[in-house]
Amino acid sequence: MWYIMGVSENRANERDSMEFNYGLLKQKIKDEYKTAGNFAAAMGITGTRLSLMLNGKAKWTTDMAFQAVQLLGVEDDIVKFFFTPKLGNRVRGERCSRTDF
């Protein structure tokens, strides 16, 4: 029983520490709003807060992510913009180079 609880706790910790790559989201913000500051103003948050979220230093709340999706018009691509996992120094699906090893 203890072992099973330990596994569950480890999996919960893994979920809490999972990092996402927001590169596509950053590009979409630039395409639609020209600057992160303009997008932050449209969201009603500071540029600093947006920067923290885009760089994985602060978590996106459900409400903030939903608002961003609506402002950017990416309702059909939520997973692509918000849930692309970071895998080491690469994004899932990106090719490896010899320097990655």
C-alpha atoms as a PDB file:
ATOM      1  CA  MET A   1       0.000   0.000   0.000  1.00  0.00           C
ATOM      2  CA  TRP A   2       2.783   2.428   0.872  1.00  0.00           C
ATOM      3  CA  TYR A   3       4.425   1.834  -2.516  1.00  0.00           C
ATOM      4  CA  ILE A   4       1.210   2.633  -4.394  1.00  0.00           C
ATOM      5  CA  MET A   5       0.757   5.831  -2.406  1.00  0.00           C
ATOM      6  CA  GLY A   6       4.344   6.807  -3.183  1.00  0.00           C
ATOM      7  CA  VAL A   7       3.742   6.309  -6.895  1.00  0.00           C
ATOM      8  CA  SER A   8       0.598   8.432  -6.770  1.00  0.00           C
ATOM      9  CA  GLU A   9       2.420  11.194  -4.940  1.00  0.00           C
ATOM     10  CA  ASN A  10       5.270  11.085  -7.458  1.00  0.00           C
ATOM     11  CA  ARG A  11       2.850  11.345 -10.368  1.00  0.00           C
ATOM     12  CA  ALA A  12       1.104  14.294  -8.730  1.00  0.00           C
ATOM     13  CA  ASN A  13       4.477  16.012  -8.296  1.00  0.00           C
ATOM     14  CA  GLU A  14       5.334  15.347 -11.940  1.00  0.00           C
ATOM     15  CA  ARG A  15       2.090  17.002 -13.054  1.00  0.00           C
ATOM     16  CA  ASP A  16       2.740  20.015 -10.862  1.00  0.00           C
ATOM     17  CA  SER A  17       6.226  20.495 -12.253  1.00  0.00           C
ATOM     18  CA  MET A  18       5.466  19.845 -15.924  1.00  0.00           C
ATOM     19  CA  GLU A  19       6.808  22.611 -18.114  1.00  0.00           C
ATOM     20  CA  PHE A  20       5.239  23.815 -21.324  1.00  0.00           C
ATOM     21  CA  ASN A  21       6.714  25.554 -24.337  1.00  0.00           C
ATOM     22  CA  TYR A  22       4.843  28.744 -25.181  1.00  0.00           C
ATOM     23  CA  GLY A  23       6.843  29.558 -28.327  1.00  0.00           C
ATOM     24  CA  LEU A  24       3.826  29.237 -30.619  1.00  0.00           C
ATOM     25  CA  LEU A  25       1.741  31.341 -28.239  1.00  0.00           C
ATOM     26  CA  LYS A  26       4.420  34.052 -28.150  1.00  0.00           C
ATOM     27  CA  GLN A  27       4.511  34.115 -31.961  1.00  0.00           C
ATOM     28  CA  LYS A  28       0.711  34.329 -32.192  1.00  0.00           C
ATOM     29  CA  ILE A  29       0.709  37.238 -29.725  1.00  0.00           C
ATOM     30  CA  LYS A  30       3.324  39.021 -31.841  1.00  0.00           C
ATOM     31  CA  ASP A  31       1.362  38.345 -35.034  1.00  0.00           C
ATOM     32  CA  GLU A  32      -1.948  39.583 -33.607  1.00  0.00           C
ATOM     33  CA  TYR A  33      -0.910  42.323 -31.154  1.00  0.00           C
ATOM     34  CA  LYS A  34       2.610  43.313 -32.335  1.00  0.00           C
ATOM     35  CA  THR A  35       3.934  43.422 -28.746  1.00  0.00           C
ATOM     36  CA  ALA A  36       3.441  41.460 -25.551  1.00  0.00           C
ATOM     37  CA  GLY A  37       2.649  44.758 -23.818  1.00  0.00           C
ATOM     38  CA  ASN A  38      -0.290  45.359 -26.150  1.00  0.00           C
ATOM     39  CA  PHE A  39      -1.591  41.865 -25.493  1.00  0.00           C
ATOM     40  CA  ALA A  40      -1.125  42.242 -21.732  1.00  0.00           C
ATOM     41  CA  ALA A  41      -3.173  45.457 -21.844  1.00  0.00           C
ATOM     42  CA  ALA A  42      -5.934  43.663 -23.772  1.00  0.00           C
ATOM     43  CA  MET A  43      -5.882  40.926 -21.106  1.00  0.00           C
ATOM     44  CA  GLY A  44      -6.012  43.507 -18.304  1.00  0.00           C
ATOM     45  CA  ILE A  45      -2.736  42.367 -16.732  1.00  0.00           C
ATOM     46  CA  THR A  46       0.735  43.847 -16.498  1.00  0.00           C
ATOM     47  CA  GLY A  47       3.443  43.068 -18.999  1.00  0.00           C
ATOM     48  CA  THR A  48       5.473  41.633 -16.152  1.00  0.00           C
ATOM     49  CA  ARG A  49       2.714  39.165 -15.246  1.00  0.00           C
ATOM     50  CA  LEU A  50       2.365  38.085 -18.886  1.00  0.00           C
ATOM     51  CA  SER A  51       6.120  37.641 -19.200  1.00  0.00           C
ATOM     52  CA  LEU A  52       6.181  35.444 -16.099  1.00  0.00           C
ATOM     53  CA  MET A  53       3.414  33.259 -17.500  1.00  0.00           C
ATOM     54  CA  LEU A  54       4.964  32.999 -20.977  1.00  0.00           C
ATOM     55  CA  ASN A  55       8.295  32.022 -19.462  1.00  0.00           C
ATOM     56  CA  GLY A  56       6.855  29.382 -17.122  1.00  0.00           C
ATOM     57  CA  LYS A  57       7.573  31.338 -13.935  1.00  0.00           C
ATOM     58  CA  ALA A  58       3.867  31.807 -13.143  1.00  0.00           C
ATOM     59  CA  LYS A  59       0.988  29.486 -13.959  1.00  0.00           C
ATOM     60  CA  TRP A  60      -1.858  30.323 -16.296  1.00  0.00           C
ATOM     61  CA  THR A  61      -5.217  30.303 -14.543  1.00  0.00           C
ATOM     62  CA  THR A  62      -8.093  28.701 -16.410  1.00  0.00           C
ATOM     63  CA  ASP A  63      -9.795  32.086 -16.743  1.00  0.00           C
ATOM     64  CA  MET A  64      -6.674  33.780 -18.102  1.00  0.00           C
ATOM     65  CA  ALA A  65      -6.000  31.002 -20.597  1.00  0.00           C
ATOM     66  CA  PHE A  66      -9.631  31.118 -21.762  1.00  0.00           C
ATOM     67  CA  GLN A  67      -9.441  34.896 -22.168  1.00  0.00           C
ATOM     68  CA  ALA A  68      -6.179  34.606 -24.147  1.00  0.00           C
ATOM     69  CA  VAL A  69      -7.696  31.949 -26.402  1.00  0.00           C
ATOM     70  CA  GLN A  70     -10.661  34.194 -27.153  1.00  0.00           C
ATOM     71  CA  LEU A  71      -8.530  37.292 -27.781  1.00  0.00           C
ATOM     72  CA  LEU A  72      -6.226  35.378 -30.122  1.00  0.00           C
ATOM     73  CA  GLY A  73      -9.004  33.441 -31.846  1.00  0.00           C
ATOM     74  CA  VAL A  74      -7.377  30.061 -31.294  1.00  0.00           C
ATOM     75  CA  GLU A  75     -10.302  28.173 -29.765  1.00  0.00           C
ATOM     76  CA  ASP A  76      -9.647  25.136 -31.962  1.00  0.00           C
ATOM     77  CA  ASP A  77      -5.918  25.034 -31.141  1.00  0.00           C
ATOM     78  CA  ILE A  78      -5.804  25.324 -27.350  1.00  0.00           C
ATOM     79  CA  VAL A  79      -3.612  22.249 -26.939  1.00  0.00           C
ATOM     80  CA  LYS A  80      -1.103  23.456 -29.534  1.00  0.00           C
ATOM     81  CA  PHE A  81      -0.688  26.871 -27.893  1.00  0.00           C
ATOM     82  CA  PHE A  82      -0.926  25.988 -24.190  1.00  0.00           C
ATOM     83  CA  PHE A  83       0.007  22.329 -23.726  1.00  0.00           C
ATOM     84  CA  THR A  84       3.074  21.639 -25.861  1.00  0.00           C
ATOM     85  CA  PRO A  85       5.429  20.007 -23.362  1.00  0.00           C
ATOM     86  CA  LYS A  86       9.037  20.988 -23.033  1.00  0.00           C
ATOM     87  CA  LEU A  87      11.291  17.988 -23.509  1.00  0.00           C
ATOM     88  CA  GLY A  88      14.716  18.973 -22.279  1.00  0.00           C
ATOM     89  CA  ASN A  89      15.894  21.716 -24.588  1.00  0.00           C
ATOM     90  CA  ARG A  90      13.517  20.642 -27.362  1.00  0.00           C
ATOM     91  CA  VAL A  91       9.817  20.735 -28.087  1.00  0.00           C
ATOM     92  CA  ARG A  92       8.012  17.473 -28.827  1.00  0.00           C
ATOM     93  CA  GLY A  93       8.286  16.692 -32.535  1.00  0.00           C
ATOM     94  CA  GLU A  94      11.397  18.791 -33.079  1.00  0.00           C
ATOM     95  CA  ARG A  95      14.345  17.015 -34.679  1.00  0.00           C
ATOM     96  CA  CYS A  96      17.483  16.275 -32.685  1.00  0.00           C
ATOM     97  CA  SER A  97      20.830  17.600 -33.749  1.00  0.00           C
ATOM     98  CA  ARG A  98      24.208  16.126 -32.909  1.00  0.00           C
ATOM     99  CA  THR A  99      24.721  18.839 -30.276  1.00  0.00           C
ATOM    100  CA  ASP A 100      21.657  17.635 -28.315  1.00  0.00           C
ATOM    101  CA  PHE A 101      23.532  14.560 -27.076  1.00  0.00           C
END
